[in-house]
mmCIF file of all heavy atoms, coordinates in Angstrom:
data_MODEL
# 
_entry.id   MODEL 
# 
loop_
_atom_site.group_PDB 
_atom_site.id 
_atom_site.type_symbol 
_atom_site.label_atom_id 
_atom_site.label_alt_id 
_atom_site.label_comp_id 
_atom_site.label_asym_id 
_atom_site.label_entity_id 
_atom_site.label_seq_id 
_atom_site.pdbx_PDB_ins_code 
_atom_site.Cartn_x 
_atom_site.Cartn_y 
_atom_site.Cartn_z 
_atom_site.occupancy 
_atom_site.B_iso_or_equiv 
_atom_site.pdbx_formal_charge 
_atom_site.auth_seq_id 
_atom_site.auth_comp_id 
_atom_site.auth_asym_id 
_atom_site.auth_atom_id 
_atom_site.pdbx_PDB_model_num 
ATOM 1   N N   . TRP A 1 1  ? -52.177 -8.815  -41.792 1.00 0.00 ? 1  TRP A N   1 
ATOM 2   C CA  . TRP A 1 1  ? -52.544 -10.219 -41.994 1.00 0.00 ? 1  TRP A CA  1 
ATOM 3   C C   . TRP A 1 1  ? -53.569 -10.606 -40.950 1.00 0.00 ? 1  TRP A C   1 
ATOM 4   O O   . TRP A 1 1  ? -53.491 -10.177 -39.788 1.00 0.00 ? 1  TRP A O   1 
ATOM 5   C CB  . TRP A 1 1  ? -51.313 -11.117 -41.862 1.00 0.00 ? 1  TRP A CB  1 
ATOM 6   C CG  . TRP A 1 1  ? -51.617 -12.576 -41.903 1.00 0.00 ? 1  TRP A CG  1 
ATOM 7   C CD1 . TRP A 1 1  ? -51.801 -13.348 -43.000 1.00 0.00 ? 1  TRP A CD1 1 
ATOM 8   C CD2 . TRP A 1 1  ? -51.778 -13.442 -40.778 1.00 0.00 ? 1  TRP A CD2 1 
ATOM 9   N NE1 . TRP A 1 1  ? -52.063 -14.635 -42.640 1.00 0.00 ? 1  TRP A NE1 1 
ATOM 10  C CE2 . TRP A 1 1  ? -52.051 -14.733 -41.275 1.00 0.00 ? 1  TRP A CE2 1 
ATOM 11  C CE3 . TRP A 1 1  ? -51.722 -13.257 -39.395 1.00 0.00 ? 1  TRP A CE3 1 
ATOM 12  C CZ2 . TRP A 1 1  ? -52.273 -15.829 -40.436 1.00 0.00 ? 1  TRP A CZ2 1 
ATOM 13  C CZ3 . TRP A 1 1  ? -51.940 -14.342 -38.566 1.00 0.00 ? 1  TRP A CZ3 1 
ATOM 14  C CH2 . TRP A 1 1  ? -52.202 -15.608 -39.093 1.00 0.00 ? 1  TRP A CH2 1 
ATOM 15  N N   . VAL A 1 2  ? -54.551 -11.425 -41.369 1.00 0.00 ? 2  VAL A N   1 
ATOM 16  C CA  . VAL A 1 2  ? -55.546 -11.995 -40.462 1.00 0.00 ? 2  VAL A CA  1 
ATOM 17  C C   . VAL A 1 2  ? -55.613 -13.493 -40.726 1.00 0.00 ? 2  VAL A C   1 
ATOM 18  O O   . VAL A 1 2  ? -55.656 -13.927 -41.887 1.00 0.00 ? 2  VAL A O   1 
ATOM 19  C CB  . VAL A 1 2  ? -56.942 -11.348 -40.667 1.00 0.00 ? 2  VAL A CB  1 
ATOM 20  C CG1 . VAL A 1 2  ? -57.987 -12.024 -39.794 1.00 0.00 ? 2  VAL A CG1 1 
ATOM 21  C CG2 . VAL A 1 2  ? -56.881 -9.850  -40.378 1.00 0.00 ? 2  VAL A CG2 1 
ATOM 22  N N   . ARG A 1 3  ? -55.616 -14.255 -39.648 1.00 0.00 ? 3  ARG A N   1 
ATOM 23  C CA  . ARG A 1 3  ? -55.693 -15.720 -39.750 1.00 0.00 ? 3  ARG A CA  1 
ATOM 24  C C   . ARG A 1 3  ? -56.918 -16.120 -40.563 1.00 0.00 ? 3  ARG A C   1 
ATOM 25  O O   . ARG A 1 3  ? -57.991 -15.529 -40.430 1.00 0.00 ? 3  ARG A O   1 
ATOM 26  C CB  . ARG A 1 3  ? -55.761 -16.295 -38.326 1.00 0.00 ? 3  ARG A CB  1 
ATOM 27  C CG  . ARG A 1 3  ? -55.417 -17.747 -38.215 1.00 0.00 ? 3  ARG A CG  1 
ATOM 28  C CD  . ARG A 1 3  ? -55.297 -18.174 -36.768 1.00 0.00 ? 3  ARG A CD  1 
ATOM 29  N NE  . ARG A 1 3  ? -56.609 -18.204 -36.135 1.00 0.00 ? 3  ARG A NE  1 
ATOM 30  C CZ  . ARG A 1 3  ? -56.799 -18.088 -34.821 1.00 0.00 ? 3  ARG A CZ  1 
ATOM 31  N NH1 . ARG A 1 3  ? -55.793 -17.907 -33.999 1.00 0.00 ? 3  ARG A NH1 1 
ATOM 32  N NH2 . ARG A 1 3  ? -58.012 -18.145 -34.332 1.00 0.00 ? 3  ARG A NH2 1 
ATOM 33  N N   . GLU A 1 4  ? -56.756 -17.107 -41.414 1.00 0.00 ? 4  GLU A N   1 
ATOM 34  C CA  . GLU A 1 4  ? -57.803 -17.477 -42.370 1.00 0.00 ? 4  GLU A CA  1 
ATOM 35  C C   . GLU A 1 4  ? -59.153 -17.755 -41.714 1.00 0.00 ? 4  GLU A C   1 
ATOM 36  O O   . GLU A 1 4  ? -60.192 -17.314 -42.199 1.00 0.00 ? 4  GLU A O   1 
ATOM 37  C CB  . GLU A 1 4  ? -57.362 -18.685 -43.201 1.00 0.00 ? 4  GLU A CB  1 
ATOM 38  C CG  . GLU A 1 4  ? -58.297 -18.963 -44.345 1.00 0.00 ? 4  GLU A CG  1 
ATOM 39  C CD  . GLU A 1 4  ? -57.755 -19.989 -45.314 1.00 0.00 ? 4  GLU A CD  1 
ATOM 40  O OE1 . GLU A 1 4  ? -56.587 -20.395 -45.193 1.00 0.00 ? 4  GLU A OE1 1 
ATOM 41  O OE2 . GLU A 1 4  ? -58.524 -20.382 -46.196 1.00 0.00 ? 4  GLU A OE2 1 
ATOM 42  N N   . ASP A 1 5  ? -59.174 -18.447 -40.594 1.00 0.00 ? 5  ASP A N   1 
ATOM 43  C CA  . ASP A 1 5  ? -60.449 -18.793 -39.960 1.00 0.00 ? 5  ASP A CA  1 
ATOM 44  C C   . ASP A 1 5  ? -61.102 -17.597 -39.254 1.00 0.00 ? 5  ASP A C   1 
ATOM 45  O O   . ASP A 1 5  ? -62.214 -17.708 -38.755 1.00 0.00 ? 5  ASP A O   1 
ATOM 46  C CB  . ASP A 1 5  ? -60.284 -19.955 -38.976 1.00 0.00 ? 5  ASP A CB  1 
ATOM 47  C CG  . ASP A 1 5  ? -59.381 -19.624 -37.801 1.00 0.00 ? 5  ASP A CG  1 
ATOM 48  O OD1 . ASP A 1 5  ? -58.404 -18.867 -37.983 1.00 0.00 ? 5  ASP A OD1 1 
ATOM 49  O OD2 . ASP A 1 5  ? -59.644 -20.140 -36.694 1.00 0.00 ? 5  ASP A OD2 1 
ATOM 50  N N   . CYS A 1 6  ? -60.450 -16.447 -39.252 1.00 0.00 ? 6  CYS A N   1 
ATOM 51  C CA  . CYS A 1 6  ? -60.992 -15.250 -38.600 1.00 0.00 ? 6  CYS A CA  1 
ATOM 52  C C   . CYS A 1 6  ? -61.269 -14.128 -39.580 1.00 0.00 ? 6  CYS A C   1 
ATOM 53  O O   . CYS A 1 6  ? -61.688 -13.038 -39.187 1.00 0.00 ? 6  CYS A O   1 
ATOM 54  C CB  . CYS A 1 6  ? -60.005 -14.757 -37.535 1.00 0.00 ? 6  CYS A CB  1 
ATOM 55  S SG  . CYS A 1 6  ? -59.700 -15.948 -36.221 1.00 0.00 ? 6  CYS A SG  1 
ATOM 56  N N   . ARG A 1 7  ? -61.077 -14.369 -40.873 1.00 0.00 ? 7  ARG A N   1 
ATOM 57  C CA  . ARG A 1 7  ? -61.155 -13.288 -41.862 1.00 0.00 ? 7  ARG A CA  1 
ATOM 58  C C   . ARG A 1 7  ? -62.566 -12.732 -42.039 1.00 0.00 ? 7  ARG A C   1 
ATOM 59  O O   . ARG A 1 7  ? -62.719 -11.604 -42.477 1.00 0.00 ? 7  ARG A O   1 
ATOM 60  C CB  . ARG A 1 7  ? -60.586 -13.747 -43.201 1.00 0.00 ? 7  ARG A CB  1 
ATOM 61  C CG  . ARG A 1 7  ? -59.089 -13.898 -43.103 1.00 0.00 ? 7  ARG A CG  1 
ATOM 62  C CD  . ARG A 1 7  ? -58.409 -14.185 -44.383 1.00 0.00 ? 7  ARG A CD  1 
ATOM 63  N NE  . ARG A 1 7  ? -56.983 -14.360 -44.105 1.00 0.00 ? 7  ARG A NE  1 
ATOM 64  C CZ  . ARG A 1 7  ? -56.174 -15.090 -44.809 1.00 0.00 ? 7  ARG A CZ  1 
ATOM 65  N NH1 . ARG A 1 7  ? -56.623 -15.720 -45.884 1.00 0.00 ? 7  ARG A NH1 1 
ATOM 66  N NH2 . ARG A 1 7  ? -54.911 -15.197 -44.474 1.00 0.00 ? 7  ARG A NH2 1 
ATOM 67  N N   . ALA A 1 8  ? -63.590 -13.474 -41.718 1.00 0.00 ? 8  ALA A N   1 
ATOM 68  C CA  . ALA A 1 8  ? -64.960 -12.960 -41.875 1.00 0.00 ? 8  ALA A CA  1 
ATOM 69  C C   . ALA A 1 8  ? -65.418 -12.189 -40.639 1.00 0.00 ? 8  ALA A C   1 
ATOM 70  O O   . ALA A 1 8  ? -66.524 -11.681 -40.611 1.00 0.00 ? 8  ALA A O   1 
ATOM 71  C CB  . ALA A 1 8  ? -65.918 -14.110 -42.165 1.00 0.00 ? 8  ALA A CB  1 
ATOM 72  N N   . GLY A 1 9  ? -64.554 -12.071 -39.641 1.00 0.00 ? 9  GLY A N   1 
ATOM 73  C CA  . GLY A 1 9  ? -64.943 -11.428 -38.384 1.00 0.00 ? 9  GLY A CA  1 
ATOM 74  C C   . GLY A 1 9  ? -64.717 -9.932  -38.322 1.00 0.00 ? 9  GLY A C   1 
ATOM 75  O O   . GLY A 1 9  ? -64.924 -9.327  -37.268 1.00 0.00 ? 9  GLY A O   1 
ATOM 76  N N   . GLY A 1 10 ? -64.273 -9.322  -39.409 1.00 0.00 ? 10 GLY A N   1 
ATOM 77  C CA  . GLY A 1 10 ? -64.059 -7.879  -39.406 1.00 0.00 ? 10 GLY A CA  1 
ATOM 78  C C   . GLY A 1 10 ? -62.758 -7.450  -38.760 1.00 0.00 ? 10 GLY A C   1 
ATOM 79  O O   . GLY A 1 10 ? -62.552 -6.255  -38.515 1.00 0.00 ? 10 GLY A O   1 
ATOM 80  N N   . TRP A 1 11 ? -61.868 -8.391  -38.495 1.00 0.00 ? 11 TRP A N   1 
ATOM 81  C CA  . TRP A 1 11 ? -60.618 -8.044  -37.809 1.00 0.00 ? 11 TRP A CA  1 
ATOM 82  C C   . TRP A 1 11 ? -59.692 -7.194  -38.662 1.00 0.00 ? 11 TRP A C   1 
ATOM 83  O O   . TRP A 1 11 ? -58.988 -6.322  -38.150 1.00 0.00 ? 11 TRP A O   1 
ATOM 84  C CB  . TRP A 1 11 ? -59.913 -9.293  -37.307 1.00 0.00 ? 11 TRP A CB  1 
ATOM 85  C CG  . TRP A 1 11 ? -60.670 -9.926  -36.189 1.00 0.00 ? 11 TRP A CG  1 
ATOM 86  C CD1 . TRP A 1 11 ? -61.350 -11.118 -36.216 1.00 0.00 ? 11 TRP A CD1 1 
ATOM 87  C CD2 . TRP A 1 11 ? -60.889 -9.374  -34.893 1.00 0.00 ? 11 TRP A CD2 1 
ATOM 88  N NE1 . TRP A 1 11 ? -61.967 -11.332 -35.013 1.00 0.00 ? 11 TRP A NE1 1 
ATOM 89  C CE2 . TRP A 1 11 ? -61.702 -10.276 -34.184 1.00 0.00 ? 11 TRP A CE2 1 
ATOM 90  C CE3 . TRP A 1 11 ? -60.490 -8.194  -34.268 1.00 0.00 ? 11 TRP A CE3 1 
ATOM 91  C CZ2 . TRP A 1 11 ? -62.098 -10.048 -32.875 1.00 0.00 ? 11 TRP A CZ2 1 
ATOM 92  C CZ3 . TRP A 1 11 ? -60.889 -7.961  -32.958 1.00 0.00 ? 11 TRP A CZ3 1 
ATOM 93  C CH2 . TRP A 1 11 ? -61.685 -8.883  -32.277 1.00 0.00 ? 11 TRP A CH2 1 
ATOM 94  N N   . GLY A 1 12 ? -59.683 -7.404  -39.958 1.00 0.00 ? 12 GLY A N   1 
ATOM 95  C CA  . GLY A 1 12 ? -58.862 -6.559  -40.831 1.00 0.00 ? 12 GLY A CA  1 
ATOM 96  C C   . GLY A 1 12 ? -59.294 -5.106  -40.734 1.00 0.00 ? 12 GLY A C   1 
ATOM 97  O O   . GLY A 1 12 ? -58.462 -4.200  -40.627 1.00 0.00 ? 12 GLY A O   1 
ATOM 98  N N   . SER A 1 13 ? -60.604 -4.876  -40.740 1.00 0.00 ? 13 SER A N   1 
ATOM 99  C CA  . SER A 1 13 ? -61.142 -3.516  -40.611 1.00 0.00 ? 13 SER A CA  1 
ATOM 100 C C   . SER A 1 13 ? -60.785 -2.911  -39.260 1.00 0.00 ? 13 SER A C   1 
ATOM 101 O O   . SER A 1 13 ? -60.417 -1.736  -39.167 1.00 0.00 ? 13 SER A O   1 
ATOM 102 C CB  . SER A 1 13 ? -62.654 -3.523  -40.790 1.00 0.00 ? 13 SER A CB  1 
ATOM 103 O OG  . SER A 1 13 ? -62.991 -3.925  -42.101 1.00 0.00 ? 13 SER A OG  1 
ATOM 104 N N   . LYS A 1 14 ? -60.889 -3.716  -38.205 1.00 0.00 ? 14 LYS A N   1 
ATOM 105 C CA  . LYS A 1 14 ? -60.554 -3.211  -36.869 1.00 0.00 ? 14 LYS A CA  1 
ATOM 106 C C   . LYS A 1 14 ? -59.073 -2.871  -36.774 1.00 0.00 ? 14 LYS A C   1 
ATOM 107 O O   . LYS A 1 14 ? -58.690 -1.856  -36.173 1.00 0.00 ? 14 LYS A O   1 
ATOM 108 C CB  . LYS A 1 14 ? -60.949 -4.237  -35.817 1.00 0.00 ? 14 LYS A CB  1 
ATOM 109 C CG  . LYS A 1 14 ? -62.449 -4.408  -35.705 1.00 0.00 ? 14 LYS A CG  1 
ATOM 110 C CD  . LYS A 1 14 ? -62.830 -5.548  -34.795 1.00 0.00 ? 14 LYS A CD  1 
ATOM 111 C CE  . LYS A 1 14 ? -64.335 -5.762  -34.845 1.00 0.00 ? 14 LYS A CE  1 
ATOM 112 N NZ  . LYS A 1 14 ? -64.763 -6.987  -34.198 1.00 0.00 ? 14 LYS A NZ  1 
ATOM 113 N N   . LEU A 1 15 ? -58.224 -3.689  -37.374 1.00 0.00 ? 15 LEU A N   1 
ATOM 114 C CA  . LEU A 1 15 ? -56.789 -3.416  -37.358 1.00 0.00 ? 15 LEU A CA  1 
ATOM 115 C C   . LEU A 1 15 ? -56.462 -2.125  -38.101 1.00 0.00 ? 15 LEU A C   1 
ATOM 116 O O   . LEU A 1 15 ? -55.697 -1.287  -37.610 1.00 0.00 ? 15 LEU A O   1 
ATOM 117 C CB  . LEU A 1 15 ? -56.022 -4.585  -37.995 1.00 0.00 ? 15 LEU A CB  1 
ATOM 118 C CG  . LEU A 1 15 ? -55.972 -5.875  -37.190 1.00 0.00 ? 15 LEU A CG  1 
ATOM 119 C CD1 . LEU A 1 15 ? -55.497 -7.031  -38.061 1.00 0.00 ? 15 LEU A CD1 1 
ATOM 120 C CD2 . LEU A 1 15 ? -55.063 -5.714  -35.973 1.00 0.00 ? 15 LEU A CD2 1 
ATOM 121 N N   . ILE A 1 16 ? -57.037 -1.954  -39.283 1.00 0.00 ? 16 ILE A N   1 
ATOM 122 C CA  . ILE A 1 16 ? -56.719 -0.762  -40.061 1.00 0.00 ? 16 ILE A CA  1 
ATOM 123 C C   . ILE A 1 16 ? -57.266 0.496   -39.399 1.00 0.00 ? 16 ILE A C   1 
ATOM 124 O O   . ILE A 1 16 ? -56.589 1.537   -39.370 1.00 0.00 ? 16 ILE A O   1 
ATOM 125 C CB  . ILE A 1 16 ? -57.187 -0.912  -41.535 1.00 0.00 ? 16 ILE A CB  1 
ATOM 126 C CG1 . ILE A 1 16 ? -56.413 0.056   -42.414 1.00 0.00 ? 16 ILE A CG1 1 
ATOM 127 C CG2 . ILE A 1 16 ? -58.658 -0.721  -41.703 1.00 0.00 ? 16 ILE A CG2 1 
ATOM 128 C CD1 . ILE A 1 16 ? -56.530 -0.233  -43.885 1.00 0.00 ? 16 ILE A CD1 1 
ATOM 129 N N   . ARG A 1 17 ? -58.442 0.424   -38.820 1.00 0.00 ? 17 ARG A N   1 
ATOM 130 C CA  . ARG A 1 17 ? -58.997 1.595   -38.126 1.00 0.00 ? 17 ARG A CA  1 
ATOM 131 C C   . ARG A 1 17 ? -58.144 1.959   -36.907 1.00 0.00 ? 17 ARG A C   1 
ATOM 132 O O   . ARG A 1 17 ? -57.905 3.142   -36.635 1.00 0.00 ? 17 ARG A O   1 
ATOM 133 C CB  . ARG A 1 17 ? -60.445 1.356   -37.731 1.00 0.00 ? 17 ARG A CB  1 
ATOM 134 C CG  . ARG A 1 17 ? -61.409 1.473   -38.911 1.00 0.00 ? 17 ARG A CG  1 
ATOM 135 C CD  . ARG A 1 17 ? -62.857 1.566   -38.484 1.00 0.00 ? 17 ARG A CD  1 
ATOM 136 N NE  . ARG A 1 17 ? -63.326 0.407   -37.744 1.00 0.00 ? 17 ARG A NE  1 
ATOM 137 C CZ  . ARG A 1 17 ? -63.930 -0.660  -38.295 1.00 0.00 ? 17 ARG A CZ  1 
ATOM 138 N NH1 . ARG A 1 17 ? -64.152 -0.689  -39.594 1.00 0.00 ? 17 ARG A NH1 1 
ATOM 139 N NH2 . ARG A 1 17 ? -64.317 -1.668  -37.551 1.00 0.00 ? 17 ARG A NH2 1 
ATOM 140 N N   . ALA A 1 18 ? -57.667 0.955   -36.184 1.00 0.00 ? 18 ALA A N   1 
ATOM 141 C CA  . ALA A 1 18 ? -56.810 1.215   -35.022 1.00 0.00 ? 18 ALA A CA  1 
ATOM 142 C C   . ALA A 1 18 ? -55.487 1.851   -35.455 1.00 0.00 ? 18 ALA A C   1 
ATOM 143 O O   . ALA A 1 18 ? -54.996 2.788   -34.806 1.00 0.00 ? 18 ALA A O   1 
ATOM 144 C CB  . ALA A 1 18 ? -56.555 -0.079  -34.256 1.00 0.00 ? 18 ALA A CB  1 
ATOM 145 N N   . ALA A 1 19 ? -54.919 1.366   -36.551 1.00 0.00 ? 19 ALA A N   1 
ATOM 146 C CA  . ALA A 1 19 ? -53.666 1.937   -37.054 1.00 0.00 ? 19 ALA A CA  1 
ATOM 147 C C   . ALA A 1 19 ? -53.881 3.376   -37.520 1.00 0.00 ? 19 ALA A C   1 
ATOM 148 O O   . ALA A 1 19 ? -53.040 4.254   -37.261 1.00 0.00 ? 19 ALA A O   1 
ATOM 149 C CB  . ALA A 1 19 ? -53.110 1.083   -38.181 1.00 0.00 ? 19 ALA A CB  1 
ATOM 150 N N   . GLU A 1 20 ? -54.986 3.638   -38.198 1.00 0.00 ? 20 GLU A N   1 
ATOM 151 C CA  . GLU A 1 20 ? -55.271 4.995   -38.653 1.00 0.00 ? 20 GLU A CA  1 
ATOM 152 C C   . GLU A 1 20 ? -55.455 5.934   -37.461 1.00 0.00 ? 20 GLU A C   1 
ATOM 153 O O   . GLU A 1 20 ? -54.957 7.063   -37.476 1.00 0.00 ? 20 GLU A O   1 
ATOM 154 C CB  . GLU A 1 20 ? -56.522 5.009   -39.535 1.00 0.00 ? 20 GLU A CB  1 
ATOM 155 C CG  . GLU A 1 20 ? -56.303 4.355   -40.885 1.00 0.00 ? 20 GLU A CG  1 
ATOM 156 C CD  . GLU A 1 20 ? -57.578 4.159   -41.683 1.00 0.00 ? 20 GLU A CD  1 
ATOM 157 O OE1 . GLU A 1 20 ? -58.694 4.423   -41.162 1.00 0.00 ? 20 GLU A OE1 1 
ATOM 158 O OE2 . GLU A 1 20 ? -57.457 3.744   -42.850 1.00 0.00 ? 20 GLU A OE2 1 
ATOM 159 N N   . ALA A 1 21 ? -56.140 5.475   -36.426 1.00 0.00 ? 21 ALA A N   1 
ATOM 160 C CA  . ALA A 1 21 ? -56.330 6.303   -35.228 1.00 0.00 ? 21 ALA A CA  1 
ATOM 161 C C   . ALA A 1 21 ? -54.989 6.603   -34.564 1.00 0.00 ? 21 ALA A C   1 
ATOM 162 O O   . ALA A 1 21 ? -54.746 7.740   -34.123 1.00 0.00 ? 21 ALA A O   1 
ATOM 163 C CB  . ALA A 1 21 ? -57.277 5.605   -34.246 1.00 0.00 ? 21 ALA A CB  1 
ATOM 164 N N   . GLU A 1 22 ? -54.111 5.624   -34.501 1.00 0.00 ? 22 GLU A N   1 
ATOM 165 C CA  . GLU A 1 22 ? -52.788 5.837   -33.922 1.00 0.00 ? 22 GLU A CA  1 
ATOM 166 C C   . GLU A 1 22 ? -51.971 6.796   -34.789 1.00 0.00 ? 22 GLU A C   1 
ATOM 167 O O   . GLU A 1 22 ? -51.243 7.647   -34.275 1.00 0.00 ? 22 GLU A O   1 
ATOM 168 C CB  . GLU A 1 22 ? -52.054 4.513   -33.755 1.00 0.00 ? 22 GLU A CB  1 
ATOM 169 C CG  . GLU A 1 22 ? -50.655 4.629   -33.201 1.00 0.00 ? 22 GLU A CG  1 
ATOM 170 C CD  . GLU A 1 22 ? -50.564 5.235   -31.803 1.00 0.00 ? 22 GLU A CD  1 
ATOM 171 O OE1 . GLU A 1 22 ? -51.591 5.354   -31.096 1.00 0.00 ? 22 GLU A OE1 1 
ATOM 172 O OE2 . GLU A 1 22 ? -49.440 5.603   -31.401 1.00 0.00 ? 22 GLU A OE2 1 
ATOM 173 N N   . ALA A 1 23 ? -52.103 6.683   -36.110 1.00 0.00 ? 23 ALA A N   1 
ATOM 174 C CA  . ALA A 1 23 ? -51.394 7.586   -37.009 1.00 0.00 ? 23 ALA A CA  1 
ATOM 175 C C   . ALA A 1 23 ? -51.859 9.033   -36.790 1.00 0.00 ? 23 ALA A C   1 
ATOM 176 O O   . ALA A 1 23 ? -51.038 9.951   -36.725 1.00 0.00 ? 23 ALA A O   1 
ATOM 177 C CB  . ALA A 1 23 ? -51.605 7.164   -38.463 1.00 0.00 ? 23 ALA A CB  1 
ATOM 178 N N   . VAL A 1 24 ? -53.145 9.232   -36.662 1.00 0.00 ? 24 VAL A N   1 
ATOM 179 C CA  . VAL A 1 24 ? -53.680 10.570  -36.401 1.00 0.00 ? 24 VAL A CA  1 
ATOM 180 C C   . VAL A 1 24 ? -53.160 11.072  -35.056 1.00 0.00 ? 24 VAL A C   1 
ATOM 181 O O   . VAL A 1 24 ? -52.729 12.227  -34.925 1.00 0.00 ? 24 VAL A O   1 
ATOM 182 C CB  . VAL A 1 24 ? -55.224 10.583  -36.441 1.00 0.00 ? 24 VAL A CB  1 
ATOM 183 C CG1 . VAL A 1 24 ? -55.787 11.882  -35.889 1.00 0.00 ? 24 VAL A CG1 1 
ATOM 184 C CG2 . VAL A 1 24 ? -55.721 10.341  -37.864 1.00 0.00 ? 24 VAL A CG2 1 
ATOM 185 N N   . ARG A 1 25 ? -53.157 10.212  -34.044 1.00 0.00 ? 25 ARG A N   1 
ATOM 186 C CA  . ARG A 1 25 ? -52.650 10.591  -32.725 1.00 0.00 ? 25 ARG A CA  1 
ATOM 187 C C   . ARG A 1 25 ? -51.198 11.059  -32.816 1.00 0.00 ? 25 ARG A C   1 
ATOM 188 O O   . ARG A 1 25 ? -50.778 11.965  -32.114 1.00 0.00 ? 25 ARG A O   1 
ATOM 189 C CB  . ARG A 1 25 ? -52.754 9.404   -31.764 1.00 0.00 ? 25 ARG A CB  1 
ATOM 190 C CG  . ARG A 1 25 ? -52.437 9.765   -30.310 1.00 0.00 ? 25 ARG A CG  1 
ATOM 191 C CD  . ARG A 1 25 ? -52.348 8.549   -29.420 1.00 0.00 ? 25 ARG A CD  1 
ATOM 192 N NE  . ARG A 1 25 ? -51.144 7.773   -29.629 1.00 0.00 ? 25 ARG A NE  1 
ATOM 193 C CZ  . ARG A 1 25 ? -49.908 8.115   -29.234 1.00 0.00 ? 25 ARG A CZ  1 
ATOM 194 N NH1 . ARG A 1 25 ? -49.714 9.247   -28.617 1.00 0.00 ? 25 ARG A NH1 1 
ATOM 195 N NH2 . ARG A 1 25 ? -48.878 7.325   -29.464 1.00 0.00 ? 25 ARG A NH2 1 
ATOM 196 N N   . ARG A 1 26 ? -50.437 10.464  -33.741 1.00 0.00 ? 26 ARG A N   1 
ATOM 197 C CA  . ARG A 1 26 ? -49.026 10.836  -33.917 1.00 0.00 ? 26 ARG A CA  1 
ATOM 198 C C   . ARG A 1 26 ? -48.830 11.995  -34.896 1.00 0.00 ? 26 ARG A C   1 
ATOM 199 O O   . ARG A 1 26 ? -47.714 12.335  -35.241 1.00 0.00 ? 26 ARG A O   1 
ATOM 200 C CB  . ARG A 1 26 ? -48.230 9.629   -34.397 1.00 0.00 ? 26 ARG A CB  1 
ATOM 201 C CG  . ARG A 1 26 ? -48.156 8.519   -33.365 1.00 0.00 ? 26 ARG A CG  1 
ATOM 202 C CD  . ARG A 1 26 ? -47.226 7.445   -33.829 1.00 0.00 ? 26 ARG A CD  1 
ATOM 203 N NE  . ARG A 1 26 ? -47.261 6.288   -32.966 1.00 0.00 ? 26 ARG A NE  1 
ATOM 204 C CZ  . ARG A 1 26 ? -46.308 5.377   -32.925 1.00 0.00 ? 26 ARG A CZ  1 
ATOM 205 N NH1 . ARG A 1 26 ? -45.239 5.502   -33.710 1.00 0.00 ? 26 ARG A NH1 1 
ATOM 206 N NH2 . ARG A 1 26 ? -46.394 4.337   -32.122 1.00 0.00 ? 26 ARG A NH2 1 
ATOM 207 N N   . GLY A 1 27 ? -49.931 12.601  -35.342 1.00 0.00 ? 27 GLY A N   1 
ATOM 208 C CA  . GLY A 1 27 ? -49.834 13.780  -36.198 1.00 0.00 ? 27 GLY A CA  1 
ATOM 209 C C   . GLY A 1 27 ? -49.840 13.508  -37.690 1.00 0.00 ? 27 GLY A C   1 
ATOM 210 O O   . GLY A 1 27 ? -49.581 14.413  -38.489 1.00 0.00 ? 27 GLY A O   1 
# 
């Protein structure tokens, strides 16, 4: 979830990329 007034800032993409990187780190 991203707050409505921040949705155009690319935060959803940053969150998903960070989660994917952590998933890879965990194997």
